[in-house]
């Protein structure tokens, strides 16, 4: 009996190691409710950063610099910053930050030589809150426009013309609207607006020759909010998830993913022949929350992520025709709000970022099994090179024996042998050499946590020491 239990335990440990592990790190604590956050290159310098807005109206840029997070307030809006997106809203390929506000206006933040500047794009003076914002070619004429939902059920459209923004109330579509997403799904070649309502309805809004037309996609039985909306497509691992088609990529357009306050499930909507087909993606156990699509494990697979009212972030993976749900961690102490995926540290590693009502912004990093392989060189070769501390999150110092004194340089490589950093040696009083690695690559950026090697040439061979870089 004990042998069987031991075997099962070993199998469970092996499975956990094979699947990798998520690690959680706090980016910052803004001390105020953070509703949404995005990862993008809003400065146009080729480096992604994290952007978010708060209940107090402050808009922040979170930048990872020299091994630490730096928080900068890039501006503010007069009231609550309910949502925040980064988009080339003017159609000129320049990414800017857009923030709808409780005062009924939307604001644009641009980065230039003089720093950040803000423009009031306009809006309504009727006292309605502007809630969520999305950008796209909503009129199917090639012109990028912004679309903002209001709590009085109206949608405002913003168009950049020459040197100013022009706002237009395109109509009232429900008692109270919440989220909005712009894009093309599978049933035609047109771009549509998809909006959710406080009454649990999900609408498709389309520009036609006769004006804007609304059609109902779904109505939840319990008349409570249809919450987050995301347009996109996941990567099906293994066999295609649709037996009627040879490959998932043959399906034109995007899928529609939706959460609802009255439901503990996440749904996917896909157009099938003459109507919408709804399927359940998964159950997180708690309702509501934001959703996003992205390569959260920094691989080629696109997965779905949801923030939940239990303050946890859930990952949904489509594998062999079935959805699999994983709890990747908590953004405690209270329920989750926004969630997004991106290379927030300005490197090539995609991570999951989440925020909460109490102000913390947290980061989740997935360590693949091949991030922690390896052994050092066996025997005396491994003893010729030591590292202190190891594992480490800051700098580490490597010391070699006198036999390595002829080597002036060492290199740090990743688990695949790719060069990360070349480091020069310092002479110790006793004749030995030491090498100091500060945990950054050749460009001064911090690579993802995981397993690395310091390699030193020793005569006709090499000596290497395994280094474990922590988040």
Protein backbone atom coordinates (compact mmCIF):
# COMPACT_ATOMS: atom_id res chain seq x y z
CA UNK A 1 0.00 0.00 0.00
CA UNK A 2 2.79 2.44 0.95
CA UNK A 3 4.57 1.64 -2.31
CA UNK A 4 1.43 2.49 -4.30
CA UNK A 5 1.00 5.80 -2.47
CA UNK A 6 4.65 6.64 -3.10
CA UNK A 7 4.34 5.87 -6.80
CA UNK A 8 1.21 8.06 -7.08
CA UNK A 9 2.97 10.91 -5.27
CA UNK A 10 5.97 10.67 -7.56
CA UNK A 11 3.70 10.67 -10.60
CA UNK A 12 1.92 13.79 -9.32
CA UNK A 13 5.24 15.56 -8.73
CA UNK A 14 6.46 14.55 -12.19
CA UNK A 15 3.24 15.83 -13.78
CA UNK A 16 3.55 19.16 -11.95
CA UNK A 17 7.14 19.58 -13.10
CA UNK A 18 6.18 18.65 -16.66
CA UNK A 19 3.44 21.26 -16.65
CA UNK A 20 5.62 24.06 -15.36
CA UNK A 21 4.68 26.54 -12.64
CA UNK A 22 3.27 30.06 -12.33
CA UNK A 23 5.02 32.59 -10.10
CA UNK A 24 3.41 35.77 -8.76
CA UNK A 25 5.12 39.11 -8.20
CA UNK A 26 3.69 42.46 -7.12
CA UNK A 27 4.35 45.23 -9.63
CA UNK A 28 3.13 48.08 -7.41
CA UNK A 29 0.37 49.15 -5.06
CA UNK A 30 -1.38 52.32 -6.26
CA UNK A 31 -3.57 52.50 -3.14
CA UNK A 32 -6.71 53.05 -5.19
CA UNK A 33 -9.11 50.94 -7.25
CA UNK A 34 -7.57 49.95 -10.59
CA UNK A 35 -10.29 49.00 -13.09
CA UNK A 36 -8.41 48.08 -16.27
CA UNK A 37 -4.82 47.80 -17.47
CA UNK A 38 -3.08 47.31 -20.81
CA UNK A 39 0.41 46.43 -22.07
CA UNK A 40 1.64 48.33 -25.12
CA UNK A 41 4.35 50.52 -26.64
CA UNK A 42 2.66 53.89 -26.04
CA UNK A 43 5.92 55.87 -26.27
CA UNK A 44 6.87 54.58 -29.71
CA UNK A 45 10.34 53.54 -28.55
CA UNK A 46 9.88 49.81 -29.18
CA UNK A 47 9.45 48.98 -25.50
CA UNK A 48 6.21 47.70 -23.99
CA UNK A 49 5.02 49.04 -20.65
CA UNK A 50 1.95 48.59 -18.44
CA UNK A 51 -0.72 51.32 -18.39
CA UNK A 52 -3.65 51.62 -15.99
CA UNK A 53 -6.19 54.08 -14.59
CA UNK A 54 -7.67 54.43 -11.10
CA UNK A 55 -10.85 55.43 -9.32
CA UNK A 56 -9.26 58.75 -8.37
CA UNK A 57 -8.73 59.55 -12.07
CA UNK A 58 -4.96 59.08 -12.16
CA UNK A 59 -3.41 57.41 -15.21
CA UNK A 60 -0.16 55.50 -14.66
CA UNK A 61 2.69 54.06 -16.65
CA UNK A 62 4.49 51.11 -15.02
CA UNK A 63 7.95 50.57 -16.48
CA UNK A 64 10.45 47.83 -15.64
CA UNK A 65 13.89 49.45 -15.45
CA UNK A 66 17.20 48.05 -14.19
CA UNK A 67 15.61 45.17 -12.35
CA UNK A 68 12.81 47.13 -10.64
CA UNK A 69 9.38 48.56 -11.42
CA UNK A 70 9.06 52.34 -11.76
CA UNK A 71 5.63 53.97 -11.36
CA UNK A 72 4.93 57.24 -13.20
CA UNK A 73 1.70 59.23 -13.27
CA UNK A 74 1.35 60.37 -16.88
CA UNK A 75 -1.72 62.50 -16.19
CA UNK A 76 -5.24 62.40 -14.84
CA UNK A 77 -8.91 62.73 -15.75
CA UNK A 78 -11.48 64.74 -13.76
CA UNK A 79 -13.24 61.70 -12.34
CA UNK A 80 -13.13 57.88 -12.32
CA UNK A 81 -11.04 56.27 -15.10
CA UNK A 82 -13.29 53.29 -15.78
CA UNK A 83 -11.37 51.87 -18.73
CA UNK A 84 -8.11 52.36 -20.58
CA UNK A 85 -6.91 51.21 -23.99
CA UNK A 86 -3.82 51.83 -26.10
CA UNK A 87 -4.52 52.19 -29.83
CA UNK A 88 -3.53 54.02 -33.01
CA UNK A 89 -6.74 55.95 -32.66
CA UNK A 90 -5.91 58.65 -35.22
CA UNK A 91 -5.09 56.10 -37.91
CA UNK A 92 -1.46 57.29 -38.11
CA UNK A 93 0.16 54.18 -36.57
CA UNK A 94 1.06 56.13 -33.41
CA UNK A 95 -0.11 54.39 -30.26
CA UNK A 96 -1.83 56.60 -27.71
CA UNK A 97 -3.63 56.05 -24.42
CA UNK A 98 -7.42 56.54 -24.30
CA UNK A 99 -9.38 56.87 -21.07
CA UNK A 100 -13.20 57.20 -20.78
CA UNK A 101 -14.26 59.06 -17.64
CA UNK A 102 -17.20 59.22 -15.25
CA UNK A 103 -17.72 62.89 -16.22
CA UNK A 104 -19.02 61.80 -19.64
CA UNK A 105 -15.89 62.67 -21.62
CA UNK A 106 -13.02 60.62 -23.08
CA UNK A 107 -9.37 61.71 -22.94
CA UNK A 108 -6.35 61.02 -25.12
CA UNK A 109 -2.78 60.91 -23.75
CA UNK A 110 0.14 61.27 -26.18
CA UNK A 111 3.87 60.99 -25.56
CA UNK A 112 6.25 63.45 -27.22
CA UNK A 113 9.55 65.24 -26.69
CA UNK A 114 8.07 67.34 -23.91
CA UNK A 115 6.60 64.31 -22.16
CA UNK A 116 2.94 63.35 -21.85
CA UNK A 117 0.11 65.62 -22.98
CA UNK A 118 -3.66 65.28 -22.62
CA UNK A 119 -6.53 66.17 -24.95
CA UNK A 120 -10.21 66.25 -24.00
CA UNK A 121 -11.86 64.43 -26.92
CA UNK A 122 -15.32 65.62 -25.88
CA UNK A 123 -18.47 63.77 -24.96
CA UNK A 124 -21.84 64.34 -23.39
CA UNK A 125 -22.81 67.00 -20.88
CA UNK A 126 -25.93 65.14 -19.83
CA UNK A 127 -24.44 63.59 -16.71
CA UNK A 128 -23.99 60.05 -18.11
CA UNK A 129 -20.83 58.12 -17.30
CA UNK A 130 -18.55 56.99 -20.12
CA UNK A 131 -17.66 53.41 -19.33
CA UNK A 132 -15.69 51.24 -21.77
CA UNK A 133 -13.89 52.06 -25.02
CA UNK A 134 -12.87 50.13 -28.13
CA UNK A 135 -11.28 51.15 -31.45
CA UNK A 136 -11.86 49.84 -34.94
CA UNK A 137 -13.22 50.55 -38.43
CA UNK A 138 -16.81 50.45 -37.24
CA UNK A 139 -18.25 51.97 -40.42
CA UNK A 140 -16.28 49.61 -42.69
CA UNK A 141 -14.77 52.54 -44.61
CA UNK A 142 -11.15 52.07 -43.55
CA UNK A 143 -11.30 54.88 -40.97
CA UNK A 144 -10.26 54.09 -37.41
CA UNK A 145 -12.76 55.34 -34.84
CA UNK A 146 -13.31 55.07 -31.13
CA UNK A 147 -16.52 53.73 -29.59
CA UNK A 148 -17.47 54.37 -25.98
CA UNK A 149 -20.40 52.93 -24.02
CA UNK A 150 -22.40 55.09 -21.59
CA UNK A 151 -24.40 54.12 -18.54
CA UNK A 152 -27.53 55.64 -20.13
CA UNK A 153 -27.42 53.03 -22.92
CA UNK A 154 -25.93 55.27 -25.61
CA UNK A 155 -22.77 54.77 -27.69
CA UNK A 156 -20.50 57.64 -28.65
CA UNK A 157 -18.33 57.51 -31.73
CA UNK A 158 -15.10 59.53 -31.92
CA UNK A 159 -13.43 60.36 -35.26
CA UNK A 160 -10.15 62.21 -35.75
CA UNK A 161 -10.51 64.84 -38.48
CA UNK A 162 -7.57 67.04 -39.38
CA UNK A 163 -6.56 68.54 -36.03
CA UNK A 164 -9.40 67.68 -33.69
CA UNK A 165 -11.70 64.96 -32.43
CA UNK A 166 -15.36 64.93 -33.45
CA UNK A 167 -17.80 63.13 -31.16
CA UNK A 168 -21.17 61.77 -32.27
CA UNK A 169 -23.95 60.11 -30.29
CA UNK A 170 -24.88 57.17 -32.53
CA UNK A 171 -27.93 56.19 -30.52
CA UNK A 172 -29.40 54.46 -27.50
CA UNK A 173 -29.24 50.66 -27.63
CA UNK A 174 -30.14 49.55 -24.08
CA UNK A 175 -30.96 50.88 -20.61
CA UNK A 176 -27.32 50.69 -19.54
CA UNK A 177 -24.33 49.52 -21.58
CA UNK A 178 -21.10 48.12 -20.19
CA UNK A 179 -18.29 46.62 -22.29
CA UNK A 180 -17.60 47.08 -26.01
CA UNK A 181 -15.38 45.31 -28.53
CA UNK A 182 -14.92 46.06 -32.24
CA UNK A 183 -14.08 43.50 -34.91
CA UNK A 184 -15.15 40.93 -37.49
CA UNK A 185 -16.73 37.63 -36.53
CA UNK A 186 -17.46 34.69 -38.79
CA UNK A 187 -20.86 35.40 -40.30
CA UNK A 188 -19.89 38.14 -42.80
CA UNK A 189 -17.04 40.35 -43.94
CA UNK A 190 -18.12 43.39 -41.94
CA UNK A 191 -16.80 44.98 -38.78
CA UNK A 192 -19.33 45.14 -35.95
CA UNK A 193 -19.59 46.57 -32.45
CA UNK A 194 -20.32 44.03 -29.74
CA UNK A 195 -21.71 45.50 -26.53
CA UNK A 196 -22.96 44.10 -23.24
CA UNK A 197 -25.75 45.51 -21.07
CA UNK A 198 -26.52 45.71 -17.38
CA UNK A 199 -29.71 43.73 -18.07
CA UNK A 200 -27.76 40.70 -19.29
CA UNK A 201 -28.07 41.25 -23.04
CA UNK A 202 -25.34 40.91 -25.64
CA UNK A 203 -25.79 42.97 -28.82
CA UNK A 204 -24.22 43.26 -32.23
CA UNK A 205 -24.35 46.84 -33.57
CA UNK A 206 -23.75 47.31 -37.31
CA UNK A 207 -23.42 50.33 -39.60
CA UNK A 208 -25.75 50.08 -42.63
CA UNK A 209 -26.92 52.44 -45.34
CA UNK A 210 -29.93 53.20 -43.18
CA UNK A 211 -27.84 53.96 -40.10
CA UNK A 212 -26.87 51.89 -37.07
CA UNK A 213 -28.74 48.63 -36.57
CA UNK A 214 -28.90 46.54 -33.37
CA UNK A 215 -29.42 42.77 -33.23
CA UNK A 216 -29.54 40.51 -30.19
CA UNK A 217 -26.80 37.89 -29.89
CA UNK A 218 -27.94 36.45 -26.56
CA UNK A 219 -29.94 37.25 -23.41
CA UNK A 220 -28.93 35.65 -20.15
CA UNK A 221 -31.81 34.19 -18.16
CA UNK A 222 -30.96 36.06 -15.02
CA UNK A 223 -31.31 39.79 -15.83
CA UNK A 224 -27.91 40.77 -14.50
CA UNK A 225 -24.94 42.24 -16.26
CA UNK A 226 -23.34 40.65 -19.29
CA UNK A 227 -19.85 41.74 -18.31
CA UNK A 228 -16.59 41.36 -20.22
CA UNK A 229 -16.31 40.92 -24.00
CA UNK A 230 -13.26 39.78 -25.95
CA UNK A 231 -12.92 39.19 -29.68
CA UNK A 232 -10.28 36.79 -30.95
CA UNK A 233 -9.38 33.18 -31.43
CA UNK A 234 -7.58 30.70 -29.22
CA UNK A 235 -5.01 28.23 -30.48
CA UNK A 236 -6.42 24.70 -30.34
CA UNK A 237 -3.77 22.29 -29.05
CA UNK A 238 -3.93 18.76 -30.36
CA UNK A 239 -6.89 17.93 -32.61
CA UNK A 240 -9.12 20.71 -34.02
CA UNK A 241 -11.93 21.62 -31.64
CA UNK A 242 -14.53 21.68 -34.44
CA UNK A 243 -15.07 18.25 -36.03
CA UNK A 244 -16.91 19.84 -38.97
CA UNK A 245 -13.72 21.53 -40.20
CA UNK A 246 -10.26 20.25 -40.98
CA UNK A 247 -8.40 23.09 -39.25
CA UNK A 248 -9.47 25.77 -36.82
CA UNK A 249 -7.65 28.41 -38.89
CA UNK A 250 -10.04 27.76 -41.78
CA UNK A 251 -12.83 29.44 -39.80
CA UNK A 252 -12.99 33.06 -40.98
CA UNK A 253 -13.41 35.90 -38.53
CA UNK A 254 -13.09 35.94 -34.77
CA UNK A 255 -14.89 34.24 -31.91
CA UNK A 256 -16.77 36.18 -29.25
CA UNK A 257 -15.94 35.45 -25.60
CA UNK A 258 -18.22 36.75 -22.84
CA UNK A 259 -18.52 36.70 -19.05
CA UNK A 260 -21.65 37.56 -17.07
CA UNK A 261 -22.30 38.69 -13.52
CA UNK A 262 -25.10 36.14 -13.18
CA UNK A 263 -23.02 33.22 -14.44
CA UNK A 264 -20.05 31.32 -13.07
CA UNK A 265 -19.04 30.36 -16.59
CA UNK A 266 -17.20 31.89 -19.53
CA UNK A 267 -18.90 31.50 -22.91
CA UNK A 268 -17.72 31.41 -26.49
CA UNK A 269 -20.01 32.49 -29.33
CA UNK A 270 -19.34 31.27 -32.85
CA UNK A 271 -21.47 31.92 -35.90
CA UNK A 272 -22.66 28.64 -37.39
CA UNK A 273 -24.55 28.76 -40.72
CA UNK A 274 -27.52 30.92 -39.78
CA UNK A 275 -27.17 31.70 -36.10
CA UNK A 276 -24.96 32.12 -33.05
CA UNK A 277 -23.87 28.96 -31.26
CA UNK A 278 -22.95 29.33 -27.59
CA UNK A 279 -20.64 26.90 -25.84
CA UNK A 280 -19.16 26.91 -22.36
CA UNK A 281 -15.45 27.57 -22.18
CA UNK A 282 -15.10 26.75 -18.52
CA UNK A 283 -16.21 27.40 -14.96
CA UNK A 284 -14.07 29.41 -12.59
CA UNK A 285 -16.50 29.02 -9.69
CA UNK A 286 -17.16 32.75 -9.35
CA UNK A 287 -18.97 35.13 -11.65
CA UNK A 288 -18.07 38.36 -13.38
CA UNK A 289 -14.64 39.73 -14.15
CA UNK A 290 -12.59 40.89 -17.10
CA UNK A 291 -11.26 38.57 -19.83
CA UNK A 292 -8.46 38.73 -22.36
CA UNK A 293 -6.75 36.56 -24.97
CA UNK A 294 -3.02 36.17 -25.36
CA UNK A 295 0.11 33.99 -25.19
CA UNK A 296 0.29 34.15 -21.41
CA UNK A 297 2.81 31.32 -21.24
CA UNK A 298 5.03 33.16 -23.74
CA UNK A 299 4.63 30.38 -26.28
CA UNK A 300 2.73 30.30 -29.56
CA UNK A 301 -0.53 29.20 -27.98
CA UNK A 302 -3.27 31.80 -27.47
CA UNK A 303 -5.26 31.14 -24.30
CA UNK A 304 -8.11 32.89 -22.52
CA UNK A 305 -7.65 34.53 -19.10
CA UNK A 306 -10.33 35.70 -16.67
CA UNK A 307 -10.20 37.73 -13.46
CA UNK A 308 -12.77 36.47 -10.99
CA UNK A 309 -14.59 37.82 -7.95
CA UNK A 310 -12.69 35.37 -5.76
CA UNK A 311 -9.53 37.44 -6.55
CA UNK A 312 -8.01 34.64 -8.65
CA UNK A 313 -6.95 34.59 -12.28
CA UNK A 314 -8.05 31.63 -14.38
CA UNK A 315 -6.57 30.31 -17.60
CA UNK A 316 -8.63 28.43 -20.19
CA UNK A 317 -6.80 26.23 -22.70
CA UNK A 318 -8.39 24.42 -25.64
CA UNK A 319 -6.72 21.03 -26.02
CA UNK A 320 -7.89 18.03 -28.03
CA UNK A 321 -11.36 19.50 -28.44
CA UNK A 322 -11.90 20.15 -24.72
CA UNK A 323 -11.44 23.22 -22.53
CA UNK A 324 -9.13 22.93 -19.52
CA UNK A 325 -9.25 25.41 -16.62
CA UNK A 326 -6.23 26.36 -14.46
CA UNK A 327 -6.01 28.68 -11.46
CA UNK A 328 -2.76 30.58 -12.07
CA UNK A 329 -2.80 32.57 -8.83
CA UNK A 330 -4.39 35.24 -6.70
CA UNK A 331 -4.43 39.04 -6.91
CA UNK A 332 -5.58 39.33 -3.29
CA UNK A 333 -6.77 40.75 -1.01
CA UNK A 334 -10.06 41.43 -2.82
CA UNK A 335 -11.76 40.45 -6.06
CA UNK A 336 -10.03 40.77 -9.40
CA UNK A 337 -10.76 43.59 -11.83
CA UNK A 338 -8.77 43.93 -15.06
CA UNK A 339 -6.54 41.32 -16.68
CA UNK A 340 -4.25 41.56 -19.70
CA UNK A 341 -1.32 39.78 -21.37
CA UNK A 342 1.87 41.31 -22.71
CA UNK A 343 5.64 41.77 -22.50
CA UNK A 344 5.31 44.29 -19.69
CA UNK A 345 8.99 44.21 -18.79
CA UNK A 346 9.98 45.34 -22.26
CA UNK A 347 11.48 41.94 -23.09
CA UNK A 348 10.12 39.18 -25.29
CA UNK A 349 8.45 37.32 -22.45
CA UNK A 350 4.67 37.56 -22.31
CA UNK A 351 3.20 37.62 -18.84
CA UNK A 352 -0.26 37.96 -17.31
CA UNK A 353 -1.03 41.20 -15.45
CA UNK A 354 -4.00 41.78 -13.15
CA UNK A 355 -5.35 44.49 -10.86
CA UNK A 356 -7.73 44.66 -7.91
CA UNK A 357 -10.06 47.11 -6.14
CA UNK A 358 -7.50 47.77 -3.40
CA UNK A 359 -4.76 49.02 -5.74
CA UNK A 360 -2.19 46.23 -6.19
CA UNK A 361 -1.05 45.39 -9.72
CA UNK A 362 0.40 41.89 -9.94
CA UNK A 363 2.35 39.94 -12.54
CA UNK A 364 2.19 36.20 -13.25
CA UNK A 365 5.07 34.49 -15.04
CA UNK A 366 4.97 30.96 -16.36
CA UNK A 367 8.15 28.90 -16.06
CA UNK A 368 8.23 26.10 -18.61
CA UNK A 369 9.87 22.77 -17.77
CA UNK A 370 12.78 23.59 -20.07
CA UNK A 371 13.43 26.78 -18.07
CA UNK A 372 14.76 24.69 -15.20
CA UNK A 373 16.67 21.78 -16.71
CA UNK A 374 20.18 20.88 -16.35
CA UNK A 375 22.98 19.92 -14.21
CA UNK A 376 26.36 21.52 -13.70
CA UNK A 377 29.45 19.92 -15.17
CA UNK A 378 30.15 16.82 -13.06
CA UNK A 379 32.92 16.32 -10.54
CA UNK A 380 35.90 18.60 -10.18
CA UNK A 381 34.87 20.79 -13.13
CA UNK A 382 31.77 21.99 -11.28
CA UNK A 383 33.81 22.76 -8.15
CA UNK A 384 36.08 25.03 -10.20
CA UNK A 385 33.37 27.69 -10.43
CA UNK A 386 31.06 28.81 -7.61
CA UNK A 387 28.19 31.32 -7.50
CA UNK A 388 27.04 33.31 -4.46
CA UNK A 389 24.12 33.74 -3.98
CA UNK A 390 22.42 31.12 -6.11
CA UNK A 391 19.40 31.17 -6.61
CA UNK A 392 19.28 34.98 -6.75
CA UNK A 393 17.11 37.90 -7.83
CA UNK A 394 19.78 40.61 -7.72
CA UNK A 395 23.47 40.29 -8.68
CA UNK A 396 25.51 37.14 -8.15
CA UNK A 397 29.29 36.75 -7.96
CA UNK A 398 31.09 33.79 -9.51
CA UNK A 399 34.55 32.78 -8.32
CA UNK A 400 36.93 30.46 -10.15
CA UNK A 401 39.88 28.45 -8.95
CA UNK A 402 43.44 29.50 -9.78
CA UNK A 403 43.39 27.07 -12.68
CA UNK A 404 40.85 29.37 -14.35
CA UNK A 405 42.98 32.48 -13.84
CA UNK A 406 44.03 32.46 -17.49
CA UNK A 407 40.41 33.11 -18.51
CA UNK A 408 39.53 36.80 -18.62
CA UNK A 409 35.98 36.51 -19.91
CA UNK A 410 32.88 34.47 -19.19
CA UNK A 411 29.52 34.33 -20.83
CA UNK A 412 26.03 33.74 -19.53
CA UNK A 413 23.79 31.64 -21.76
CA UNK A 414 20.21 30.42 -21.45
CA UNK A 415 19.10 26.79 -21.30
CA UNK A 416 19.19 26.63 -25.12
CA UNK A 417 22.76 27.91 -25.32
CA UNK A 418 21.82 31.39 -26.58
CA UNK A 419 24.11 34.19 -25.40
CA UNK A 420 22.58 36.44 -22.75
CA UNK A 421 25.56 38.43 -21.44
CA UNK A 422 29.34 38.55 -21.74
CA UNK A 423 31.04 39.53 -18.46
CA UNK A 424 34.62 40.51 -17.72
CA UNK A 425 36.69 39.19 -14.83
CA UNK A 426 38.09 40.96 -11.76
CA UNK A 427 41.37 39.86 -10.16
CA UNK A 428 41.16 38.75 -6.53
CA UNK A 429 44.09 39.28 -4.08
CA UNK A 430 44.82 35.54 -3.97
CA UNK A 431 45.21 35.32 -7.73
CA UNK A 432 41.76 33.95 -8.50
CA UNK A 433 39.25 35.54 -10.85
CA UNK A 434 35.66 36.59 -10.12
CA UNK A 435 32.80 37.50 -12.43
CA UNK A 436 29.78 39.58 -11.38
CA UNK A 437 26.47 39.21 -13.21
CA UNK A 438 23.75 41.73 -12.36
CA UNK A 439 20.98 39.63 -13.91
CA UNK A 440 20.61 41.67 -17.12
CA UNK A 441 21.30 40.93 -20.78
CA UNK A 442 23.57 42.75 -23.25
CA UNK A 443 21.01 45.56 -23.67
CA UNK A 444 20.65 46.10 -19.92
CA UNK A 445 17.24 44.46 -19.74
CA UNK A 446 16.34 41.76 -17.28
CA UNK A 447 15.61 38.40 -18.95
CA UNK A 448 12.84 36.13 -17.67
CA UNK A 449 13.37 34.15 -14.50
CA UNK A 450 14.64 30.62 -14.95
CA UNK A 451 17.78 28.58 -15.48
CA UNK A 452 20.97 30.08 -16.97
CA UNK A 453 24.61 29.01 -17.19
CA UNK A 454 27.86 30.85 -16.68
CA UNK A 455 30.40 29.33 -19.09
CA UNK A 456 34.16 29.85 -18.64
CA UNK A 457 36.83 28.55 -20.99
CA UNK A 458 39.29 26.32 -19.15
CA UNK A 459 42.21 25.12 -21.26
CA UNK A 460 40.89 22.92 -24.01
CA UNK A 461 37.46 22.59 -22.38
CA UNK A 462 34.82 24.63 -20.59
CA UNK A 463 33.44 24.86 -17.08
CA UNK A 464 29.87 25.90 -16.49
CA UNK A 465 27.82 26.70 -13.40
CA UNK A 466 24.05 26.57 -13.33
CA UNK A 467 22.42 29.85 -12.21
CA UNK A 468 18.82 30.14 -11.03
CA UNK A 469 17.47 33.65 -11.68
CA UNK A 470 14.39 34.38 -9.54
CA UNK A 471 11.54 36.78 -10.48
